Amino acid sequence: MLAIEADALRRTYTSRTGWPRSRRTETEAVRGVTFEVKPGELFGLLGPNGAGKTTTIKMLNTLLLPTSGTARVFGHDVARDPVAVRHRIGYVFGGDRGLYDRLSALDNLRYFAELYGVGARDQKRRIAELLDLVGLVGREKERVEGYSRGMRQRLHIARGLLHHPDVLFLDEPSIGVDPVAARDLRRTVADLAAAGTTVLLTTHYMAEADELCDRIAVIAGGRIRALGTPGSLKSRVGDRDVLDIEAYGAGDEVIDRVRRVPGVRGASVEDRGAMQTVSVQTDRGAELHAPVLAAFDGVRLGRVVSREPSLEDAYIAIVEEAAGSAAPEEVPA
C-alpha cells in the first residue's frame, strides 16, 4: 500500500470583488497534481512561492478539501475519511506559530500529547524519546520564549511525532534557521526517514533537498513539471556549464544582456546584501567567459567560478521552462 496517493488534485479559490456590483473571480491554485509516495520514502515537493506547494499539502493533511480529484494516505481518502487520515499523519510548518511561549517545552509536549490522545501511561516515555531525538534533553524545562529559532523548530518536530504518525509533513521546516541549526534539523529528518517514517518535505533550500530526498517533484503554476530522483533532475542540465559571478549593482538590464548572449541557456540572481551572485548557464564547452563578462560592462565584479550544474540549476531551468509551457513534464526515476 502506498503512503500517499494524489490523483488529479485540483483546488480553486473563489472570491468576490467590487461594489455595489460584485464580480466573482476564480483562482486555480492546484491544477491536476498527481504523484505517489512509497512507505518510508523521503519525498520532496519543490516550487516557487505561489506554485501550489502548501495548498497541496493542506489537501493531503485534510486542512483543505480538494475541488476535484482524490488523495489517499495509507488507503484512507482525505475527503471521505479525514479522521482516519489525521491519526496517521503529523504536520510541522516553518515559523514561530504553533507553540505556547510561556510554557516549557515539556509542558508544551504534555499539552499536545493530551490533544493527540496519547495515553497517560505512554506520555512520559514518548516525550522523553522525542526530546532525545530532537536534542532538547536538558533544556526541556525552560520556557519556549527563550528558545532560538532552531530549538523551536526541533520542538515543532517533536510535537508532530507525539502520536507515532506514519507520515510526517514538513512544510519549510528550516525557514529562518541558522546554518548550524539547519544542519541539526536535516540530521533529525534523515534519522526519521531511516527509522521508517514517511516524510513529505517542502523547502526552498536546494542543497537540503539534494541531501535528504529520495525523489523530488517540482511544482510550478499549480502543476507538476518534473518528477524523479535528484540525480535524474540534475541530468536535465547535464549538457551545461555554470558560471557563478559576484557582481555589485547588476540591474535587470544587465541580466537581460547576459541572457541574450549566444549560447547562454539561462541566468538567475541571488541577492546577498550589497553583492549579488549571478549564476549563468551556458552550453557545455562553449567557453563563454569573455562575452558573458563583457555583458556586465560598467558593473564591478568579484570572483568568477566555473562549476558543474547543481540541483538548484536544474530547478531554475525547470521553473523557467514551465513559465512558457502549460503541459506538465516528468523525468523518470
C-alpha atoms as a PDB file:
ATOM      1  CA  MET A   1       0.000   0.000   0.000  1.00  0.00           C
ATOM      2  CA  LEU A   2       1.246   3.459  -0.891  1.00  0.00           C
ATOM      3  CA  ALA A   3       1.814   6.018   1.839  1.00  0.00           C
ATOM      4  CA  ILE A   4       0.431   8.936  -0.215  1.00  0.00           C
ATOM      5  CA  GLU A   5      -1.564   8.938  -3.451  1.00  0.00           C
ATOM      6  CA  ALA A   6      -2.564  12.166  -5.172  1.00  0.00           C
ATOM      7  CA  ASP A   7      -4.636  11.743  -8.326  1.00  0.00           C
ATOM      8  CA  ALA A   8      -5.575  14.783 -10.447  1.00  0.00           C
ATOM      9  CA  LEU A   9      -5.867  17.037  -7.389  1.00  0.00           C
ATOM     10  CA  ARG A  10      -7.332  20.460  -8.050  1.00  0.00           C
ATOM     11  CA  ARG A  11      -8.105  23.361  -5.759  1.00  0.00           C
ATOM     12  CA  THR A  12      -9.907  26.513  -6.893  1.00  0.00           C
ATOM     13  CA  TYR A  13     -10.414  29.578  -4.719  1.00  0.00           C
ATOM     14  CA  THR A  14     -13.443  31.788  -5.360  1.00  0.00           C
ATOM     15  CA  SER A  15     -13.562  35.435  -4.345  1.00  0.00           C
ATOM     16  CA  ARG A  16     -15.777  38.446  -4.987  1.00  0.00           C
ATOM     17  CA  THR A  17     -14.509  41.938  -5.744  1.00  0.00           C
ATOM     18  CA  GLY A  18     -16.147  45.278  -6.466  1.00  0.00           C
ATOM     19  CA  TRP A  19     -19.083  47.248  -5.106  1.00  0.00           C
ATOM     20  CA  PRO A  20     -22.024  47.669  -5.498  1.00  0.00           C
ATOM     21  CA  ARG A  21     -21.949  45.093  -8.283  1.00  0.00           C
ATOM     22  CA  SER A  22     -19.567  42.429  -7.136  1.00  0.00           C
ATOM     23  CA  ARG A  23     -17.675  40.308  -9.605  1.00  0.00           C
ATOM     24  CA  ARG A  24     -16.839  36.678  -8.950  1.00  0.00           C
ATOM     25  CA  THR A  25     -13.299  35.580  -9.726  1.00  0.00           C
ATOM     26  CA  GLU A  26     -11.734  32.127  -9.539  1.00  0.00           C
ATOM     27  CA  THR A  27      -8.089  31.317  -8.911  1.00  0.00           C
ATOM     28  CA  GLU A  28      -6.900  27.786  -9.652  1.00  0.00           C
ATOM     29  CA  ALA A  29      -4.041  27.202  -7.183  1.00  0.00           C
ATOM     30  CA  VAL A  30      -3.539  23.487  -7.900  1.00  0.00           C
ATOM     31  CA  ARG A  31      -4.230  22.124 -11.375  1.00  0.00           C
ATOM     32  CA  GLY A  32      -4.359  18.353 -11.616  1.00  0.00           C
ATOM     33  CA  VAL A  33      -1.462  17.299  -9.384  1.00  0.00           C
ATOM     34  CA  THR A  34      -0.659  13.575  -9.472  1.00  0.00           C
ATOM     35  CA  PHE A  35       2.103  11.724  -7.626  1.00  0.00           C
ATOM     36  CA  GLU A  36       2.710   8.775  -5.304  1.00  0.00           C
ATOM     37  CA  VAL A  37       4.920   8.354  -2.244  1.00  0.00           C
ATOM     38  CA  LYS A  38       6.075   4.937  -1.018  1.00  0.00           C
ATOM     39  CA  PRO A  39       6.162   3.974   2.678  1.00  0.00           C
ATOM     40  CA  GLY A  40       9.417   5.090   4.267  1.00  0.00           C
ATOM     41  CA  GLU A  41      10.289   7.424   1.388  1.00  0.00           C
ATOM     42  CA  LEU A  42      11.578  10.958   1.899  1.00  0.00           C
ATOM     43  CA  PHE A  43       9.786  12.865  -0.846  1.00  0.00           C
ATOM     44  CA  GLY A  44      10.475  16.489  -1.730  1.00  0.00           C
ATOM     45  CA  LEU A  45       7.918  18.924  -3.134  1.00  0.00           C
ATOM     46  CA  LEU A  46       9.731  21.969  -4.521  1.00  0.00           C
ATOM     47  CA  GLY A  47       8.434  25.091  -6.206  1.00  0.00           C
ATOM     48  CA  PRO A  48       8.476  28.887  -6.151  1.00  0.00           C
ATOM     49  CA  ASN A  49       6.194  30.925  -3.896  1.00  0.00           C
ATOM     50  CA  GLY A  50       2.605  30.641  -5.096  1.00  0.00           C
ATOM     51  CA  ALA A  51       3.276  27.427  -7.022  1.00  0.00           C
ATOM     52  CA  GLY A  52       0.746  25.383  -5.012  1.00  0.00           C
ATOM     53  CA  LYS A  53       3.023  23.517  -2.564  1.00  0.00           C
ATOM     54  CA  THR A  54       1.299  24.470   0.676  1.00  0.00           C
ATOM     55  CA  THR A  55      -2.170  24.152  -0.863  1.00  0.00           C
ATOM     56  CA  THR A  56      -1.289  20.613  -1.983  1.00  0.00           C
ATOM     57  CA  ILE A  57      -0.019  19.696   1.475  1.00  0.00           C
ATOM     58  CA  LYS A  58      -3.128  21.138   3.137  1.00  0.00           C
ATOM     59  CA  MET A  59      -5.330  18.975   0.909  1.00  0.00           C
ATOM     60  CA  LEU A  60      -3.262  15.895   1.757  1.00  0.00           C
ATOM     61  CA  ASN A  61      -3.481  16.528   5.507  1.00  0.00           C
ATOM     62  CA  THR A  62      -7.247  17.312   5.454  1.00  0.00           C
ATOM     63  CA  LEU A  63      -6.978  21.060   6.154  1.00  0.00           C
ATOM     64  CA  LEU A  64      -8.469  21.847   2.721  1.00  0.00           C
ATOM     65  CA  LEU A  65     -10.974  19.913   0.637  1.00  0.00           C
ATOM     66  CA  PRO A  66      -9.983  19.277  -2.998  1.00  0.00           C
ATOM     67  CA  THR A  67     -12.171  20.966  -5.585  1.00  0.00           C
ATOM     68  CA  SER A  68     -11.775  17.777  -7.633  1.00  0.00           C
ATOM     69  CA  GLY A  69      -9.506  14.750  -7.776  1.00  0.00           C
ATOM     70  CA  THR A  70      -8.687  12.327  -4.975  1.00  0.00           C
ATOM     71  CA  ALA A  71      -5.984  11.861  -2.371  1.00  0.00           C
ATOM     72  CA  ARG A  72      -5.337   8.971   0.000  1.00  0.00           C
ATOM     73  CA  VAL A  73      -2.994   8.412   2.926  1.00  0.00           C
ATOM     74  CA  PHE A  74      -2.343   4.707   3.524  1.00  0.00           C
ATOM     75  CA  GLY A  75      -5.599   3.966   1.704  1.00  0.00           C
ATOM     76  CA  HIS A  76      -7.769   6.469   3.593  1.00  0.00           C
ATOM     77  CA  ASP A  77      -9.459   9.105   1.446  1.00  0.00           C
ATOM     78  CA  VAL A  78      -8.701  12.614   2.731  1.00  0.00           C
ATOM     79  CA  ALA A  79     -12.219  13.860   1.955  1.00  0.00           C
ATOM     80  CA  ARG A  80     -14.284  10.831   2.933  1.00  0.00           C
ATOM     81  CA  ASP A  81     -12.312   9.611   5.953  1.00  0.00           C
ATOM     82  CA  PRO A  82     -10.409  12.631   7.370  1.00  0.00           C
ATOM     83  CA  VAL A  83     -10.343  11.351  10.957  1.00  0.00           C
ATOM     84  CA  ALA A  84      -8.512   8.174   9.936  1.00  0.00           C
ATOM     85  CA  VAL A  85      -6.044  10.252   7.919  1.00  0.00           C
ATOM     86  CA  ARG A  86      -5.332  12.538  10.877  1.00  0.00           C
ATOM     87  CA  HIS A  87      -4.481   9.540  13.038  1.00  0.00           C
ATOM     88  CA  ARG A  88      -1.785   8.572  10.527  1.00  0.00           C
ATOM     89  CA  ILE A  89      -0.136  11.957   9.919  1.00  0.00           C
ATOM     90  CA  GLY A  90       1.859  14.698  11.619  1.00  0.00           C
ATOM     91  CA  TYR A  91       2.250  18.253  10.311  1.00  0.00           C
ATOM     92  CA  VAL A  92       5.195  20.563  11.004  1.00  0.00           C
ATOM     93  CA  PHE A  93       5.385  24.028   9.463  1.00  0.00           C
ATOM     94  CA  GLY A  94       8.113  26.659   9.493  1.00  0.00           C
ATOM     95  CA  GLY A  95       7.912  29.776  11.623  1.00  0.00           C
ATOM     96  CA  ASP A  96       7.130  30.573  15.241  1.00  0.00           C
ATOM     97  CA  ARG A  97       3.444  29.654  15.368  1.00  0.00           C
ATOM     98  CA  GLY A  98       2.032  26.552  16.994  1.00  0.00           C
ATOM     99  CA  LEU A  99       3.791  26.598  20.384  1.00  0.00           C
ATOM    100  CA  TYR A 100       2.970  28.255  23.705  1.00  0.00           C
ATOM    101  CA  ASP A 101       5.834  30.591  24.580  1.00  0.00           C
ATOM    102  CA  ARG A 102       5.075  30.866  28.293  1.00  0.00           C
ATOM    103  CA  LEU A 103       5.129  27.120  28.760  1.00  0.00           C
ATOM    104  CA  SER A 104       8.218  24.972  28.908  1.00  0.00           C
ATOM    105  CA  ALA A 105       8.995  22.518  26.124  1.00  0.00           C
ATOM    106  CA  LEU A 106       7.970  19.716  28.460  1.00  0.00           C
ATOM    107  CA  ASP A 107       4.607  21.325  29.222  1.00  0.00           C
ATOM    108  CA  ASN A 108       4.030  22.019  25.526  1.00  0.00           C
ATOM    109  CA  LEU A 109       4.582  18.361  24.704  1.00  0.00           C
ATOM    110  CA  ARG A 110       2.350  17.226  27.568  1.00  0.00           C
ATOM    111  CA  TYR A 111      -0.425  19.528  26.361  1.00  0.00           C
ATOM    112  CA  PHE A 112      -0.224  18.334  22.753  1.00  0.00           C
ATOM    113  CA  ALA A 113       0.050  14.710  23.866  1.00  0.00           C
ATOM    114  CA  GLU A 114      -3.355  15.135  25.510  1.00  0.00           C
ATOM    115  CA  LEU A 115      -4.779  16.673  22.325  1.00  0.00           C
ATOM    116  CA  TYR A 116      -3.384  13.814  20.232  1.00  0.00           C
ATOM    117  CA  GLY A 117      -4.894  11.256  22.596  1.00  0.00           C
ATOM    118  CA  VAL A 118      -1.586   9.778  23.750  1.00  0.00           C
ATOM    119  CA  GLY A 119      -2.329   7.594  26.778  1.00  0.00           C
ATOM    120  CA  ALA A 120      -1.200   8.793  30.195  1.00  0.00           C
ATOM    121  CA  ARG A 121       0.964   5.704  30.637  1.00  0.00           C
ATOM    122  CA  ASP A 122       2.800   6.332  27.364  1.00  0.00           C
ATOM    123  CA  GLN A 123       3.254  10.095  27.599  1.00  0.00           C
ATOM    124  CA  LYS A 124       6.316  10.216  29.856  1.00  0.00           C
ATOM    125  CA  ARG A 125       8.224   7.607  27.852  1.00  0.00           C
ATOM    126  CA  ARG A 126       7.232   9.074  24.476  1.00  0.00           C
ATOM    127  CA  ILE A 127       8.123  12.639  25.437  1.00  0.00           C
ATOM    128  CA  ALA A 128      11.500  11.510  26.770  1.00  0.00           C
ATOM    129  CA  GLU A 129      12.193   9.665  23.486  1.00  0.00           C
ATOM    130  CA  LEU A 130      11.331  12.710  21.403  1.00  0.00           C
ATOM    131  CA  LEU A 131      13.328  15.159  23.497  1.00  0.00           C
ATOM    132  CA  ASP A 132      16.324  12.904  22.974  1.00  0.00           C
ATOM    133  CA  LEU A 133      15.606  12.568  19.241  1.00  0.00           C
ATOM    134  CA  VAL A 134      15.499  16.328  18.652  1.00  0.00           C
ATOM    135  CA  GLY A 135      18.371  17.146  21.012  1.00  0.00           C
ATOM    136  CA  LEU A 136      16.492  19.113  23.671  1.00  0.00           C
ATOM    137  CA  VAL A 137      17.361  16.969  26.694  1.00  0.00           C
ATOM    138  CA  GLY A 138      18.463  19.294  29.493  1.00  0.00           C
ATOM    139  CA  ARG A 139      16.546  22.257  28.059  1.00  0.00           C
ATOM    140  CA  GLU A 140      13.035  20.821  28.296  1.00  0.00           C
ATOM    141  CA  LYS A 141      12.093  22.722  31.473  1.00  0.00           C
ATOM    142  CA  GLU A 142      12.948  26.133  30.013  1.00  0.00           C
ATOM    143  CA  ARG A 143      10.215  28.394  28.673  1.00  0.00           C
ATOM    144  CA  VAL A 144       9.888  28.279  24.896  1.00  0.00           C
ATOM    145  CA  GLU A 145      10.027  32.089  24.722  1.00  0.00           C
ATOM    146  CA  GLY A 146      13.766  31.797  25.420  1.00  0.00           C
ATOM    147  CA  TYR A 147      14.387  29.246  22.663  1.00  0.00           C
ATOM    148  CA  SER A 148      16.269  30.015  19.467  1.00  0.00           C
ATOM    149  CA  ARG A 149      14.545  29.537  16.095  1.00  0.00           C
ATOM    150  CA  GLY A 150      16.343  26.224  15.592  1.00  0.00           C
ATOM    151  CA  MET A 151      15.296  24.908  19.000  1.00  0.00           C
ATOM    152  CA  ARG A 152      11.699  25.911  18.294  1.00  0.00           C
ATOM    153  CA  GLN A 153      11.758  24.010  15.015  1.00  0.00           C
ATOM    154  CA  ARG A 154      13.115  20.907  16.703  1.00  0.00           C
ATOM    155  CA  LEU A 155      10.334  21.175  19.275  1.00  0.00           C
ATOM    156  CA  HIS A 156       7.829  21.511  16.412  1.00  0.00           C
ATOM    157  CA  ILE A 157       9.116  18.207  15.028  1.00  0.00           C
ATOM    158  CA  ALA A 158       8.802  16.539  18.432  1.00  0.00           C
ATOM    159  CA  ARG A 159       5.225  17.827  18.709  1.00  0.00           C
ATOM    160  CA  GLY A 160       4.361  16.425  15.275  1.00  0.00           C
ATOM    161  CA  LEU A 161       5.696  12.981  16.212  1.00  0.00           C
ATOM    162  CA  LEU A 162       3.941  12.544  19.569  1.00  0.00           C
ATOM    163  CA  HIS A 163       1.270  10.170  18.267  1.00  0.00           C
ATOM    164  CA  HIS A 164       3.642   7.972  16.192  1.00  0.00           C
ATOM    165  CA  PRO A 165       2.443   9.210  12.760  1.00  0.00           C
ATOM    166  CA  ASP A 166       3.177   7.073   9.723  1.00  0.00           C
ATOM    167  CA  VAL A 167       3.512  10.178   7.529  1.00  0.00           C
ATOM    168  CA  LEU A 168       5.143  13.465   8.548  1.00  0.00           C
ATOM    169  CA  PHE A 169       4.543  16.617   6.502  1.00  0.00           C
ATOM    170  CA  LEU A 170       7.380  19.139   6.861  1.00  0.00           C
ATOM    171  CA  ASP A 171       6.432  22.477   5.289  1.00  0.00           C
ATOM    172  CA  GLU A 172       9.635  24.571   5.040  1.00  0.00           C
ATOM    173  CA  PRO A 173      10.878  23.494   8.499  1.00  0.00           C
ATOM    174  CA  SER A 174      14.273  25.227   8.185  1.00  0.00           C
ATOM    175  CA  ILE A 175      12.996  28.655   7.109  1.00  0.00           C
ATOM    176  CA  GLY A 176      14.823  31.395   9.010  1.00  0.00           C
ATOM    177  CA  VAL A 177      17.055  28.898  10.821  1.00  0.00           C
ATOM    178  CA  ASP A 178      20.811  29.499  11.104  1.00  0.00           C
ATOM    179  CA  PRO A 179      23.183  27.072   9.291  1.00  0.00           C
ATOM    180  CA  VAL A 180      24.145  25.088  12.415  1.00  0.00           C
ATOM    181  CA  ALA A 181      20.517  24.619  13.484  1.00  0.00           C
ATOM    182  CA  ALA A 182      19.554  23.747   9.889  1.00  0.00           C
ATOM    183  CA  ARG A 183      22.222  21.039   9.844  1.00  0.00           C
ATOM    184  CA  ASP A 184      20.821  19.595  13.083  1.00  0.00           C
ATOM    185  CA  LEU A 185      17.310  19.649  11.604  1.00  0.00           C
ATOM    186  CA  ARG A 186      18.496  17.810   8.493  1.00  0.00           C
ATOM    187  CA  ARG A 187      20.104  15.170  10.669  1.00  0.00           C
ATOM    188  CA  THR A 188      16.860  14.746  12.614  1.00  0.00           C
ATOM    189  CA  VAL A 189      14.793  14.446   9.433  1.00  0.00           C
ATOM    190  CA  ALA A 190      17.215  11.909   7.954  1.00  0.00           C
ATOM    191  CA  ASP A 191      17.038   9.847  11.152  1.00  0.00           C
ATOM    192  CA  LEU A 192      13.227   9.858  10.970  1.00  0.00           C
ATOM    193  CA  ALA A 193      13.237   8.550   7.420  1.00  0.00           C
ATOM    194  CA  ALA A 194      15.849   5.933   8.298  1.00  0.00           C
ATOM    195  CA  ALA A 195      13.572   4.737  11.117  1.00  0.00           C
ATOM    196  CA  GLY A 196      10.725   4.167   8.621  1.00  0.00           C
ATOM    197  CA  THR A 197       8.659   7.354   8.860  1.00  0.00           C
ATOM    198  CA  THR A 198       7.390   8.579   5.501  1.00  0.00           C
ATOM    199  CA  VAL A 199       8.339  12.242   5.092  1.00  0.00           C
ATOM    200  CA  LEU A 200       6.974  14.777   2.613  1.00  0.00           C
ATOM    201  CA  LEU A 201       9.238  17.838   2.670  1.00  0.00           C
ATOM    202  CA  THR A 202       8.845  21.270   1.110  1.00  0.00           C
ATOM    203  CA  THR A 203      11.837  23.591   1.115  1.00  0.00           C
ATOM    204  CA  HIS A 204      13.405  26.475  -0.791  1.00  0.00           C
ATOM    205  CA  TYR A 205      16.903  25.199   0.007  1.00  0.00           C
ATOM    206  CA  MET A 206      18.020  23.050  -2.903  1.00  0.00           C
ATOM    207  CA  ALA A 207      21.100  21.680  -1.122  1.00  0.00           C
ATOM    208  CA  GLU A 208      18.795  20.458   1.651  1.00  0.00           C
ATOM    209  CA  ALA A 209      16.533  18.694  -0.846  1.00  0.00           C
ATOM    210  CA  ASP A 210      19.512  17.201  -2.700  1.00  0.00           C
ATOM    211  CA  GLU A 211      20.966  15.836   0.530  1.00  0.00           C
ATOM    212  CA  LEU A 212      17.756  14.423   2.001  1.00  0.00           C
ATOM    213  CA  CYS A 213      15.235  13.437  -0.665  1.00  0.00           C
ATOM    214  CA  ASP A 214      14.859  10.056  -2.350  1.00  0.00           C
ATOM    215  CA  ARG A 215      12.670  11.645  -5.036  1.00  0.00           C
ATOM    216  CA  ILE A 216      11.589  15.183  -5.833  1.00  0.00           C
ATOM    217  CA  ALA A 217       8.585  16.702  -7.583  1.00  0.00           C
ATOM    218  CA  VAL A 218       8.873  20.259  -8.909  1.00  0.00           C
ATOM    219  CA  ILE A 219       5.590  22.147  -8.982  1.00  0.00           C
ATOM    220  CA  ALA A 220       5.074  25.430 -10.843  1.00  0.00           C
ATOM    221  CA  GLY A 221       1.843  27.145 -11.819  1.00  0.00           C
ATOM    222  CA  GLY A 222      -0.134  24.535  -9.892  1.00  0.00           C
ATOM    223  CA  ARG A 223       1.199  21.629 -11.985  1.00  0.00           C
ATOM    224  CA  ILE A 224       3.909  19.006 -11.506  1.00  0.00           C
ATOM    225  CA  ARG A 225       6.615  19.918 -14.026  1.00  0.00           C
ATOM    226  CA  ALA A 226       9.235  17.293 -13.212  1.00  0.00           C
ATOM    227  CA  LEU A 227       9.419  14.207 -11.026  1.00  0.00           C
ATOM    228  CA  GLY A 228      12.358  11.965 -10.267  1.00  0.00           C
ATOM    229  CA  THR A 229      15.459  11.387  -8.177  1.00  0.00           C
ATOM    230  CA  PRO A 230      17.806  14.316  -7.533  1.00  0.00           C
ATOM    231  CA  GLY A 231      20.238  12.745  -9.979  1.00  0.00           C
ATOM    232  CA  SER A 232      17.660  12.403 -12.741  1.00  0.00           C
ATOM    233  CA  LEU A 233      16.602  16.032 -12.326  1.00  0.00           C
ATOM    234  CA  LYS A 234      20.207  17.206 -12.465  1.00  0.00           C
ATOM    235  CA  SER A 235      20.676  15.246 -15.687  1.00  0.00           C
ATOM    236  CA  ARG A 236      18.331  17.741 -17.356  1.00  0.00           C
ATOM    237  CA  VAL A 237      21.137  20.296 -17.241  1.00  0.00           C
ATOM    238  CA  GLY A 238      23.985  17.843 -17.738  1.00  0.00           C
ATOM    239  CA  ASP A 239      24.759  19.419 -21.104  1.00  0.00           C
ATOM    240  CA  ARG A 240      25.510  22.782 -19.477  1.00  0.00           C
ATOM    241  CA  ASP A 241      28.265  24.595 -17.618  1.00  0.00           C
ATOM    242  CA  VAL A 242      27.590  27.174 -14.924  1.00  0.00           C
ATOM    243  CA  LEU A 243      29.391  30.445 -14.246  1.00  0.00           C
ATOM    244  CA  ASP A 244      28.905  31.944 -10.782  1.00  0.00           C
ATOM    245  CA  ILE A 245      29.723  35.655 -10.930  1.00  0.00           C
ATOM    246  CA  GLU A 246      29.892  38.012  -7.961  1.00  0.00           C
ATOM    247  CA  ALA A 247      28.504  41.399  -9.015  1.00  0.00           C
ATOM    248  CA  TYR A 248      27.805  44.694  -7.273  1.00  0.00           C
ATOM    249  CA  GLY A 249      24.802  46.555  -8.679  1.00  0.00           C
ATOM    250  CA  ALA A 250      23.814  44.407 -11.670  1.00  0.00           C
ATOM    251  CA  GLY A 251      20.361  45.693 -12.650  1.00  0.00           C
ATOM    252  CA  ASP A 252      17.675  43.986 -14.703  1.00  0.00           C
ATOM    253  CA  GLU A 253      19.026  45.473 -17.936  1.00  0.00           C
ATOM    254  CA  VAL A 254      22.433  43.867 -17.260  1.00  0.00           C
ATOM    255  CA  ILE A 255      20.889  40.446 -16.595  1.00  0.00           C
ATOM    256  CA  ASP A 256      18.836  40.795 -19.783  1.00  0.00           C
ATOM    257  CA  ARG A 257      22.072  41.473 -21.721  1.00  0.00           C
ATOM    258  CA  VAL A 258      23.604  38.338 -20.204  1.00  0.00           C
ATOM    259  CA  ARG A 259      20.610  36.235 -21.212  1.00  0.00           C
ATOM    260  CA  ARG A 260      20.890  37.485 -24.798  1.00  0.00           C
ATOM    261  CA  VAL A 261      24.500  36.286 -25.179  1.00  0.00           C
ATOM    262  CA  PRO A 262      24.508  33.455 -27.779  1.00  0.00           C
ATOM    263  CA  GLY A 263      24.969  30.110 -26.022  1.00  0.00           C
ATOM    264  CA  VAL A 264      23.564  31.285 -22.674  1.00  0.00           C
ATOM    265  CA  ARG A 265      20.725  28.993 -21.579  1.00  0.00           C
ATOM    266  CA  GLY A 266      19.572  30.935 -18.517  1.00  0.00           C
ATOM    267  CA  ALA A 267      20.614  33.283 -15.721  1.00  0.00           C
ATOM    268  CA  SER A 268      19.432  33.705 -12.130  1.00  0.00           C
ATOM    269  CA  VAL A 269      20.301  36.246  -9.437  1.00  0.00           C
ATOM    270  CA  GLU A 270      20.649  35.780  -5.680  1.00  0.00           C
ATOM    271  CA  ASP A 271      20.952  38.943  -3.589  1.00  0.00           C
ATOM    272  CA  ARG A 272      23.467  38.804  -0.752  1.00  0.00           C
ATOM    273  CA  GLY A 273      23.355  42.254   0.777  1.00  0.00           C
ATOM    274  CA  ALA A 274      25.290  44.679  -1.391  1.00  0.00           C
ATOM    275  CA  MET A 275      26.566  41.794  -3.508  1.00  0.00           C
ATOM    276  CA  GLN A 276      24.743  39.594  -5.993  1.00  0.00           C
ATOM    277  CA  THR A 277      25.601  36.130  -7.176  1.00  0.00           C
ATOM    278  CA  VAL A 278      24.635  35.713 -10.818  1.00  0.00           C
ATOM    279  CA  SER A 279      24.508  32.084 -11.984  1.00  0.00           C
ATOM    280  CA  VAL A 280      24.771  31.829 -15.775  1.00  0.00           C
ATOM    281  CA  GLN A 281      24.014  28.523 -17.507  1.00  0.00           C
ATOM    282  CA  THR A 282      25.827  28.035 -20.808  1.00  0.00           C
ATOM    283  CA  ASP A 283      26.169  25.263 -23.370  1.00  0.00           C
ATOM    284  CA  ARG A 284      28.727  22.677 -22.245  1.00  0.00           C
ATOM    285  CA  GLY A 285      32.192  23.570 -23.514  1.00  0.00           C
ATOM    286  CA  ALA A 286      31.071  26.821 -25.143  1.00  0.00           C
ATOM    287  CA  GLU A 287      33.801  28.888 -23.387  1.00  0.00           C
ATOM    288  CA  LEU A 288      31.621  31.974 -22.989  1.00  0.00           C
ATOM    289  CA  HIS A 289      33.579  33.674 -20.195  1.00  0.00           C
ATOM    290  CA  ALA A 290      34.590  36.671 -22.304  1.00  0.00           C
ATOM    291  CA  PRO A 291      31.201  37.536 -23.884  1.00  0.00           C
ATOM    292  CA  VAL A 292      29.326  36.914 -20.610  1.00  0.00           C
ATOM    293  CA  LEU A 293      31.686  39.132 -18.621  1.00  0.00           C
ATOM    294  CA  ALA A 294      31.505  41.764 -21.359  1.00  0.00           C
ATOM    295  CA  ALA A 295      27.735  41.938 -20.777  1.00  0.00           C
ATOM    296  CA  PHE A 296      28.491  43.223 -17.260  1.00  0.00           C
ATOM    297  CA  ASP A 297      30.071  46.369 -18.729  1.00  0.00           C
ATOM    298  CA  GLY A 298      30.114  49.100 -16.076  1.00  0.00           C
ATOM    299  CA  VAL A 299      29.382  46.735 -13.165  1.00  0.00           C
ATOM    300  CA  ARG A 300      32.002  45.971 -10.537  1.00  0.00           C
ATOM    301  CA  LEU A 301      32.686  42.247 -10.430  1.00  0.00           C
ATOM    302  CA  GLY A 302      34.229  39.966  -7.819  1.00  0.00           C
ATOM    303  CA  ARG A 303      35.020  36.290  -8.017  1.00  0.00           C
ATOM    304  CA  VAL A 304      34.100  34.279 -11.125  1.00  0.00           C
ATOM    305  CA  VAL A 305      33.827  30.483 -10.743  1.00  0.00           C
ATOM    306  CA  SER A 306      33.020  27.795 -13.303  1.00  0.00           C
ATOM    307  CA  ARG A 307      31.345  24.653 -11.936  1.00  0.00           C
ATOM    308  CA  GLU A 308      29.185  21.623 -12.690  1.00  0.00           C
ATOM    309  CA  PRO A 309      25.385  22.124 -12.613  1.00  0.00           C
ATOM    310  CA  SER A 310      23.635  21.507  -9.270  1.00  0.00           C
ATOM    311  CA  LEU A 311      20.069  20.619  -8.315  1.00  0.00           C
ATOM    312  CA  GLU A 312      19.406  24.350  -7.913  1.00  0.00           C
ATOM    313  CA  ASP A 313      20.418  24.919 -11.538  1.00  0.00           C
ATOM    314  CA  ALA A 314      18.106  22.097 -12.647  1.00  0.00           C
ATOM    315  CA  TYR A 315      15.283  23.531 -10.547  1.00  0.00           C
ATOM    316  CA  ILE A 316      15.721  27.004 -12.072  1.00  0.00           C
ATOM    317  CA  ALA A 317      15.740  25.532 -15.582  1.00  0.00           C
ATOM    318  CA  ILE A 318      12.544  23.567 -14.884  1.00  0.00           C
ATOM    319  CA  VAL A 319      10.727  26.581 -13.431  1.00  0.00           C
ATOM    320  CA  GLU A 320      11.826  28.832 -16.308  1.00  0.00           C
ATOM    321  CA  GLU A 321      10.687  26.227 -18.846  1.00  0.00           C
ATOM    322  CA  ALA A 322       7.352  25.970 -17.022  1.00  0.00           C
ATOM    323  CA  ALA A 323       6.777  29.693 -17.499  1.00  0.00           C
ATOM    324  CA  GLY A 324       6.458  29.065 -21.235  1.00  0.00           C
ATOM    325  CA  SER A 325       4.813  25.654 -21.166  1.00  0.00           C
ATOM    326  CA  ALA A 326       1.353  24.598 -19.989  1.00  0.00           C
ATOM    327  CA  ALA A 327       1.988  20.863 -20.084  1.00  0.00           C
ATOM    328  CA  PRO A 328       3.489  19.030 -17.081  1.00  0.00           C
ATOM    329  CA  GLU A 329       6.614  17.045 -17.696  1.00  0.00           C
ATOM    330  CA  GLU A 330       8.014  14.018 -15.872  1.00  0.00           C
ATOM    331  CA  VAL A 331      11.564  12.783 -15.516  1.00  0.00           C
ATOM    332  CA  PRO A 332      11.798   9.006 -14.959  1.00  0.00           C
ATOM    333  CA  ALA A 333      13.440   7.915 -11.702  1.00  0.00           C
END
